[in-house]
PDB file of all heavy atoms in Angstrom:
ATOM      1  N   VAL A   1       0.873  -1.162   0.012  1.00  0.00           N
ATOM      2  CA  VAL A   1      -0.005   0.004   0.006  1.00  0.00           C
ATOM      3  C   VAL A   1       0.913   1.207   0.023  1.00  0.00           C
ATOM      4  O   VAL A   1       1.860   1.310   0.779  1.00  0.00           O
ATOM      5  CB  VAL A   1      -0.918   0.024   1.224  1.00  0.00           C
ATOM      6  CG1 VAL A   1      -1.724   1.338   1.330  1.00  0.00           C
ATOM      7  CG2 VAL A   1      -1.860  -1.155   1.241  1.00  0.00           C
ATOM      8  N   ALA A   2       0.598   2.179  -0.894  1.00  0.00           N
ATOM      9  CA  ALA A   2       1.247   3.452  -0.909  1.00  0.00           C
ATOM     10  C   ALA A   2       0.193   4.541  -0.732  1.00  0.00           C
ATOM     11  O   ALA A   2      -0.870   4.477  -1.355  1.00  0.00           O
ATOM     12  CB  ALA A   2       1.983   3.685  -2.184  1.00  0.00           C
ATOM     13  N   VAL A   3       0.448   5.459   0.184  1.00  0.00           N
ATOM     14  CA  VAL A   3      -0.488   6.565   0.473  1.00  0.00           C
ATOM     15  C   VAL A   3       0.261   7.846   0.338  1.00  0.00           C
ATOM     16  O   VAL A   3       1.368   7.985   0.858  1.00  0.00           O
ATOM     17  CB  VAL A   3      -1.095   6.446   1.865  1.00  0.00           C
ATOM     18  CG1 VAL A   3      -2.009   7.601   2.179  1.00  0.00           C
ATOM     19  CG2 VAL A   3      -1.815   5.121   2.055  1.00  0.00           C
ATOM     20  N   SER A   4      -0.358   8.869  -0.317  1.00  0.00           N
ATOM     21  CA  SER A   4       0.215  10.182  -0.385  1.00  0.00           C
ATOM     22  C   SER A   4      -0.927  11.204  -0.228  1.00  0.00           C
ATOM     23  O   SER A   4      -2.043  10.966  -0.597  1.00  0.00           O
ATOM     24  CB  SER A   4       0.946  10.429  -1.680  1.00  0.00           C
ATOM     25  OG  SER A   4       0.098  10.402  -2.795  1.00  0.00           O
ATOM     26  N   VAL A   5      -0.593  12.353   0.411  1.00  0.00           N
ATOM     27  CA  VAL A   5      -1.548  13.401   0.605  1.00  0.00           C
ATOM     28  C   VAL A   5      -0.940  14.681   0.053  1.00  0.00           C
ATOM     29  O   VAL A   5       0.163  15.053   0.445  1.00  0.00           O
ATOM     30  CB  VAL A   5      -1.902  13.581   2.077  1.00  0.00           C
ATOM     31  CG1 VAL A   5      -2.912  14.686   2.275  1.00  0.00           C
ATOM     32  CG2 VAL A   5      -2.384  12.275   2.651  1.00  0.00           C
ATOM     33  N   THR A   6      -1.634  15.344  -0.856  1.00  0.00           N
ATOM     34  CA  THR A   6      -1.133  16.591  -1.430  1.00  0.00           C
ATOM     35  C   THR A   6      -2.266  17.650  -1.336  1.00  0.00           C
ATOM     36  O   THR A   6      -3.428  17.307  -1.190  1.00  0.00           O
ATOM     37  CB  THR A   6      -0.745  16.426  -2.884  1.00  0.00           C
ATOM     38  OG1 THR A   6      -1.825  15.929  -3.610  1.00  0.00           O
ATOM     39  CG2 THR A   6       0.441  15.463  -2.980  1.00  0.00           C
ATOM     40  N   ALA A   7      -1.870  18.904  -1.454  1.00  0.00           N
ATOM     41  CA  ALA A   7      -2.870  19.991  -1.510  1.00  0.00           C
ATOM     42  C   ALA A   7      -3.487  20.062  -2.863  1.00  0.00           C
ATOM     43  O   ALA A   7      -2.843  19.836  -3.890  1.00  0.00           O
ATOM     44  CB  ALA A   7      -2.152  21.355  -1.214  1.00  0.00           C
ATOM     45  N   GLU A   8      -4.742  20.313  -2.868  1.00  0.00           N
ATOM     46  CA  GLU A   8      -5.499  20.471  -4.133  1.00  0.00           C
ATOM     47  C   GLU A   8      -5.617  21.951  -4.326  1.00  0.00           C
ATOM     48  O   GLU A   8      -6.449  22.608  -3.633  1.00  0.00           O
ATOM     49  CB  GLU A   8      -6.837  19.778  -4.028  1.00  0.00           C
ATOM     50  CG  GLU A   8      -7.728  19.981  -5.239  1.00  0.00           C
ATOM     51  CD  GLU A   8      -7.159  19.399  -6.505  1.00  0.00           C
ATOM     52  OE1 GLU A   8      -6.237  18.569  -6.455  1.00  0.00           O
ATOM     53  OE2 GLU A   8      -7.606  19.798  -7.590  1.00  0.00           O
ATOM     54  N   LEU A   9      -4.816  22.558  -5.218  1.00  0.00           N
ATOM     55  CA  LEU A   9      -4.890  23.989  -5.471  1.00  0.00           C
ATOM     56  C   LEU A   9      -6.103  24.310  -6.297  1.00  0.00           C
ATOM     57  O   LEU A   9      -6.545  23.502  -7.114  1.00  0.00           O
ATOM     58  CB  LEU A   9      -3.605  24.452  -6.094  1.00  0.00           C
ATOM     59  CG  LEU A   9      -2.344  24.227  -5.229  1.00  0.00           C
ATOM     60  CD1 LEU A   9      -1.090  24.625  -5.995  1.00  0.00           C
ATOM     61  CD2 LEU A   9      -2.465  25.030  -3.934  1.00  0.00           C
ATOM     62  N   PRO A  10      -6.590  25.530  -6.189  1.00  0.00           N
ATOM     63  CA  PRO A  10      -7.773  25.943  -6.957  1.00  0.00           C
ATOM     64  C   PRO A  10      -7.427  25.906  -8.454  1.00  0.00           C
ATOM     65  O   PRO A  10      -6.249  26.115  -8.830  1.00  0.00           O
ATOM     66  CB  PRO A  10      -8.100  27.333  -6.489  1.00  0.00           C
ATOM     67  CG  PRO A  10      -6.982  27.805  -5.647  1.00  0.00           C
ATOM     68  CD  PRO A  10      -6.116  26.598  -5.302  1.00  0.00           C
ATOM     69  N   PRO A  11      -8.438  25.671  -9.318  1.00  0.00           N
ATOM     70  CA  PRO A  11      -8.190  25.639 -10.754  1.00  0.00           C
ATOM     71  C   PRO A  11      -7.729  27.015 -11.245  1.00  0.00           C
ATOM     72  O   PRO A  11      -8.176  27.994 -10.756  1.00  0.00           O
ATOM     73  CB  PRO A  11      -9.507  25.214 -11.387  1.00  0.00           C
ATOM     74  CG  PRO A  11     -10.545  25.495 -10.327  1.00  0.00           C
ATOM     75  CD  PRO A  11      -9.828  25.409  -8.969  1.00  0.00           C
ATOM     76  N   THR A  12      -6.873  26.984 -12.280  1.00  0.00           N
ATOM     77  CA  THR A  12      -6.393  28.259 -12.858  1.00  0.00           C
ATOM     78  C   THR A  12      -7.271  28.637 -14.080  1.00  0.00           C
ATOM     79  O   THR A  12      -7.285  29.788 -14.453  1.00  0.00           O
ATOM     80  CB  THR A  12      -4.936  28.113 -13.302  1.00  0.00           C
ATOM     81  OG1 THR A  12      -4.768  27.023 -14.176  1.00  0.00           O
ATOM     82  CG2 THR A  12      -4.044  27.970 -12.077  1.00  0.00           C
ATOM     83  N   ASP A  13      -7.949  27.672 -14.660  1.00  0.00           N
ATOM     84  CA  ASP A  13      -8.796  27.957 -15.769  1.00  0.00           C
ATOM     85  C   ASP A  13     -10.125  28.479 -15.263  1.00  0.00           C
ATOM     86  O   ASP A  13     -10.885  27.760 -14.673  1.00  0.00           O
ATOM     87  CB  ASP A  13      -9.035  26.733 -16.646  1.00  0.00           C
ATOM     88  CG  ASP A  13      -9.936  26.999 -17.819  1.00  0.00           C
ATOM     89  OD1 ASP A  13     -10.226  28.190 -18.099  1.00  0.00           O
ATOM     90  OD2 ASP A  13     -10.353  26.026 -18.482  1.00  0.00           O
ATOM     91  N   ARG A  14     -10.387  29.743 -15.477  1.00  0.00           N
ATOM     92  CA  ARG A  14     -11.598  30.388 -14.934  1.00  0.00           C
ATOM     93  C   ARG A  14     -12.600  30.619 -16.018  1.00  0.00           C
ATOM     94  O   ARG A  14     -13.513  31.439 -15.871  1.00  0.00           O
ATOM     95  CB  ARG A  14     -11.225  31.640 -14.239  1.00  0.00           C
ATOM     96  CG  ARG A  14     -10.212  31.403 -13.140  1.00  0.00           C
ATOM     97  CD  ARG A  14     -10.153  32.545 -12.200  1.00  0.00           C
ATOM     98  NE  ARG A  14      -9.087  32.504 -11.295  1.00  0.00           N
ATOM     99  CZ  ARG A  14      -8.968  31.647 -10.281  1.00  0.00           C
ATOM    100  NH1 ARG A  14      -9.854  30.751 -10.036  1.00  0.00           N
ATOM    101  NH2 ARG A  14      -7.893  31.661  -9.486  1.00  0.00           N
ATOM    102  N   GLY A  15     -12.504  30.001 -17.152  1.00  0.00           N
ATOM    103  CA  GLY A  15     -13.461  30.144 -18.224  1.00  0.00           C
ATOM    104  C   GLY A  15     -13.232  31.370 -19.057  1.00  0.00           C
ATOM    105  O   GLY A  15     -12.132  32.007 -19.016  1.00  0.00           O
ATOM    106  N   PRO A  16     -14.228  31.804 -19.825  1.00  0.00           N
ATOM    107  CA  PRO A  16     -14.087  32.977 -20.695  1.00  0.00           C
ATOM    108  C   PRO A  16     -13.830  34.257 -19.879  1.00  0.00           C
ATOM    109  O   PRO A  16     -14.263  34.410 -18.790  1.00  0.00           O
ATOM    110  CB  PRO A  16     -15.421  33.099 -21.428  1.00  0.00           C
ATOM    111  CG  PRO A  16     -16.382  32.175 -20.730  1.00  0.00           C
ATOM    112  CD  PRO A  16     -15.604  31.249 -19.879  1.00  0.00           C
ATOM    113  N   ALA A  17     -13.091  35.167 -20.528  1.00  0.00           N
ATOM    114  CA  ALA A  17     -12.760  36.452 -19.867  1.00  0.00           C
ATOM    115  C   ALA A  17     -14.007  37.254 -19.665  1.00  0.00           C
ATOM    116  O   ALA A  17     -14.876  37.347 -20.520  1.00  0.00           O
ATOM    117  CB  ALA A  17     -11.746  37.212 -20.731  1.00  0.00           C
ATOM    118  N   PRO A  18     -14.159  37.861 -18.490  1.00  0.00           N
ATOM    119  CA  PRO A  18     -15.339  38.699 -18.200  1.00  0.00           C
ATOM    120  C   PRO A  18     -15.273  39.972 -19.012  1.00  0.00           C
ATOM    121  O   PRO A  18     -14.215  40.339 -19.534  1.00  0.00           O
ATOM    122  CB  PRO A  18     -15.258  38.954 -16.693  1.00  0.00           C
ATOM    123  CG  PRO A  18     -13.816  38.643 -16.303  1.00  0.00           C
ATOM    124  CD  PRO A  18     -13.291  37.716 -17.355  1.00  0.00           C
ATOM    125  N   ARG A  19     -16.391  40.695 -19.079  1.00  0.00           N
ATOM    126  CA  ARG A  19     -16.486  41.935 -19.856  1.00  0.00           C
ATOM    127  C   ARG A  19     -15.525  43.011 -19.291  1.00  0.00           C
ATOM    128  O   ARG A  19     -14.830  43.677 -20.028  1.00  0.00           O
ATOM    129  CB  ARG A  19     -17.890  42.486 -19.858  1.00  0.00           C
ATOM    130  CG  ARG A  19     -18.784  41.655 -20.687  1.00  0.00           C
ATOM    131  CD  ARG A  19     -20.131  42.245 -20.759  1.00  0.00           C
ATOM    132  NE  ARG A  19     -21.049  41.111 -20.769  1.00  0.00           N
ATOM    133  CZ  ARG A  19     -22.344  41.108 -20.508  1.00  0.00           C
ATOM    134  NH1 ARG A  19     -22.923  42.255 -20.210  1.00  0.00           N
ATOM    135  NH2 ARG A  19     -23.062  40.063 -20.564  1.00  0.00           N
ATOM    136  N   ASP A  20     -15.469  43.163 -17.972  1.00  0.00           N
ATOM    137  CA  ASP A  20     -14.615  44.156 -17.375  1.00  0.00           C
ATOM    138  C   ASP A  20     -13.346  43.398 -16.897  1.00  0.00           C
ATOM    139  O   ASP A  20     -13.128  43.141 -15.744  1.00  0.00           O
ATOM    140  CB  ASP A  20     -15.284  44.766 -16.176  1.00  0.00           C
ATOM    141  CG  ASP A  20     -14.486  45.976 -15.605  1.00  0.00           C
ATOM    142  OD1 ASP A  20     -13.372  46.180 -16.097  1.00  0.00           O
ATOM    143  OD2 ASP A  20     -15.010  46.573 -14.670  1.00  0.00           O
ATOM    144  N   ALA A  21     -12.492  43.133 -17.892  1.00  0.00           N
ATOM    145  CA  ALA A  21     -11.310  42.296 -17.618  1.00  0.00           C
ATOM    146  C   ALA A  21     -10.373  42.927 -16.609  1.00  0.00           C
ATOM    147  O   ALA A  21      -9.779  42.237 -15.794  1.00  0.00           O
ATOM    148  CB  ALA A  21     -10.550  42.005 -18.927  1.00  0.00           C
ATOM    149  N   GLU A  22     -10.220  44.247 -16.630  1.00  0.00           N
ATOM    150  CA  GLU A  22      -9.286  44.893 -15.720  1.00  0.00           C
ATOM    151  C   GLU A  22      -9.702  44.701 -14.271  1.00  0.00           C
ATOM    152  O   GLU A  22      -8.930  44.340 -13.430  1.00  0.00           O
ATOM    153  CB  GLU A  22      -9.187  46.415 -16.050  1.00  0.00           C
ATOM    154  CG  GLU A  22      -8.070  47.083 -15.298  1.00  0.00           C
ATOM    155  CD  GLU A  22      -7.914  48.517 -15.751  1.00  0.00           C
ATOM    156  OE1 GLU A  22      -7.800  48.723 -16.965  1.00  0.00           O
ATOM    157  OE2 GLU A  22      -7.916  49.386 -14.919  1.00  0.00           O
ATOM    158  N   ALA A  23     -10.981  44.938 -13.955  1.00  0.00           N
ATOM    159  CA  ALA A  23     -11.478  44.784 -12.613  1.00  0.00           C
ATOM    160  C   ALA A  23     -11.407  43.354 -12.166  1.00  0.00           C
ATOM    161  O   ALA A  23     -11.004  43.029 -11.071  1.00  0.00           O
ATOM    162  CB  ALA A  23     -12.901  45.316 -12.481  1.00  0.00           C
ATOM    163  N   SER A  24     -11.810  42.438 -13.061  1.00  0.00           N
ATOM    164  CA  SER A  24     -11.820  41.001 -12.726  1.00  0.00           C
ATOM    165  C   SER A  24     -10.437  40.485 -12.504  1.00  0.00           C
ATOM    166  O   SER A  24     -10.192  39.669 -11.592  1.00  0.00           O
ATOM    167  CB  SER A  24     -12.505  40.199 -13.814  1.00  0.00           C
ATOM    168  OG  SER A  24     -13.880  40.482 -13.786  1.00  0.00           O
ATOM    169  N   THR A  25      -9.437  40.969 -13.246  1.00  0.00           N
ATOM    170  CA  THR A  25      -8.065  40.525 -13.027  1.00  0.00           C
ATOM    171  C   THR A  25      -7.569  40.864 -11.666  1.00  0.00           C
ATOM    172  O   THR A  25      -6.902  40.093 -11.005  1.00  0.00           O
ATOM    173  CB  THR A  25      -7.120  41.099 -14.173  1.00  0.00           C
ATOM    174  OG1 THR A  25      -7.632  40.692 -15.422  1.00  0.00           O
ATOM    175  CG2 THR A  25      -5.690  40.669 -13.967  1.00  0.00           C
ATOM    176  N   ALA A  26      -7.890  42.077 -11.245  1.00  0.00           N
ATOM    177  CA  ALA A  26      -7.507  42.514  -9.912  1.00  0.00           C
ATOM    178  C   ALA A  26      -8.173  41.662  -8.833  1.00  0.00           C
ATOM    179  O   ALA A  26      -7.538  41.268  -7.862  1.00  0.00           O
ATOM    180  CB  ALA A  26      -7.864  43.972  -9.689  1.00  0.00           C
ATOM    181  N   GLU A  27      -9.457  41.341  -9.044  1.00  0.00           N
ATOM    182  CA  GLU A  27     -10.168  40.478  -8.067  1.00  0.00           C
ATOM    183  C   GLU A  27      -9.600  39.104  -7.998  1.00  0.00           C
ATOM    184  O   GLU A  27      -9.410  38.521  -6.938  1.00  0.00           O
ATOM    185  CB  GLU A  27     -11.646  40.450  -8.424  1.00  0.00           C
ATOM    186  CG  GLU A  27     -12.358  41.714  -8.207  1.00  0.00           C
ATOM    187  CD  GLU A  27     -13.779  41.704  -8.798  1.00  0.00           C
ATOM    188  OE1 GLU A  27     -14.222  40.617  -9.239  1.00  0.00           O
ATOM    189  OE2 GLU A  27     -14.423  42.787  -8.865  1.00  0.00           O
ATOM    190  N   VAL A  28      -9.283  38.538  -9.174  1.00  0.00           N
ATOM    191  CA  VAL A  28      -8.697  37.177  -9.231  1.00  0.00           C
ATOM    192  C   VAL A  28      -7.353  37.164  -8.547  1.00  0.00           C
ATOM    193  O   VAL A  28      -7.043  36.287  -7.782  1.00  0.00           O
ATOM    194  CB  VAL A  28      -8.624  36.648 -10.668  1.00  0.00           C
ATOM    195  CG1 VAL A  28      -7.768  35.433 -10.777  1.00  0.00           C
ATOM    196  CG2 VAL A  28     -10.037  36.396 -11.210  1.00  0.00           C
ATOM    197  N   GLY A  29      -6.546  38.194  -8.847  1.00  0.00           N
ATOM    198  CA  GLY A  29      -5.216  38.268  -8.219  1.00  0.00           C
ATOM    199  C   GLY A  29      -5.308  38.356  -6.718  1.00  0.00           C
ATOM    200  O   GLY A  29      -4.552  37.695  -6.026  1.00  0.00           O
ATOM    201  N   ALA A  30      -6.254  39.113  -6.193  1.00  0.00           N
ATOM    202  CA  ALA A  30      -6.403  39.211  -4.730  1.00  0.00           C
ATOM    203  C   ALA A  30      -6.901  37.895  -4.156  1.00  0.00           C
ATOM    204  O   ALA A  30      -6.413  37.477  -3.113  1.00  0.00           O
ATOM    205  CB  ALA A  30      -7.418  40.343  -4.421  1.00  0.00           C
ATOM    206  N   ALA A  31      -7.793  37.264  -4.829  1.00  0.00           N
ATOM    207  CA  ALA A  31      -8.286  35.953  -4.359  1.00  0.00           C
ATOM    208  C   ALA A  31      -7.153  34.929  -4.355  1.00  0.00           C
ATOM    209  O   ALA A  31      -7.037  34.155  -3.418  1.00  0.00           O
ATOM    210  CB  ALA A  31      -9.435  35.467  -5.240  1.00  0.00           C
ATOM    211  N   GLU A  32      -6.347  34.884  -5.406  1.00  0.00           N
ATOM    212  CA  GLU A  32      -5.259  33.951  -5.472  1.00  0.00           C
ATOM    213  C   GLU A  32      -4.212  34.255  -4.387  1.00  0.00           C
ATOM    214  O   GLU A  32      -3.615  33.316  -3.813  1.00  0.00           O
ATOM    215  CB  GLU A  32      -4.577  33.983  -6.838  1.00  0.00           C
ATOM    216  CG  GLU A  32      -5.472  33.276  -7.868  1.00  0.00           C
ATOM    217  CD  GLU A  32      -4.891  33.348  -9.245  1.00  0.00           C
ATOM    218  OE1 GLU A  32      -3.946  34.104  -9.506  1.00  0.00           O
ATOM    219  OE2 GLU A  32      -5.384  32.631 -10.159  1.00  0.00           O
TER     220      GLU A  32
END
């Protein structure tokens, strides 16, 4: 038996770019 535990990082693919890309980029950066 081999067991490993790793962190599951949030996905980086967030789908299509939002209309207000500048504001959303700042929000995503802060969340990350």
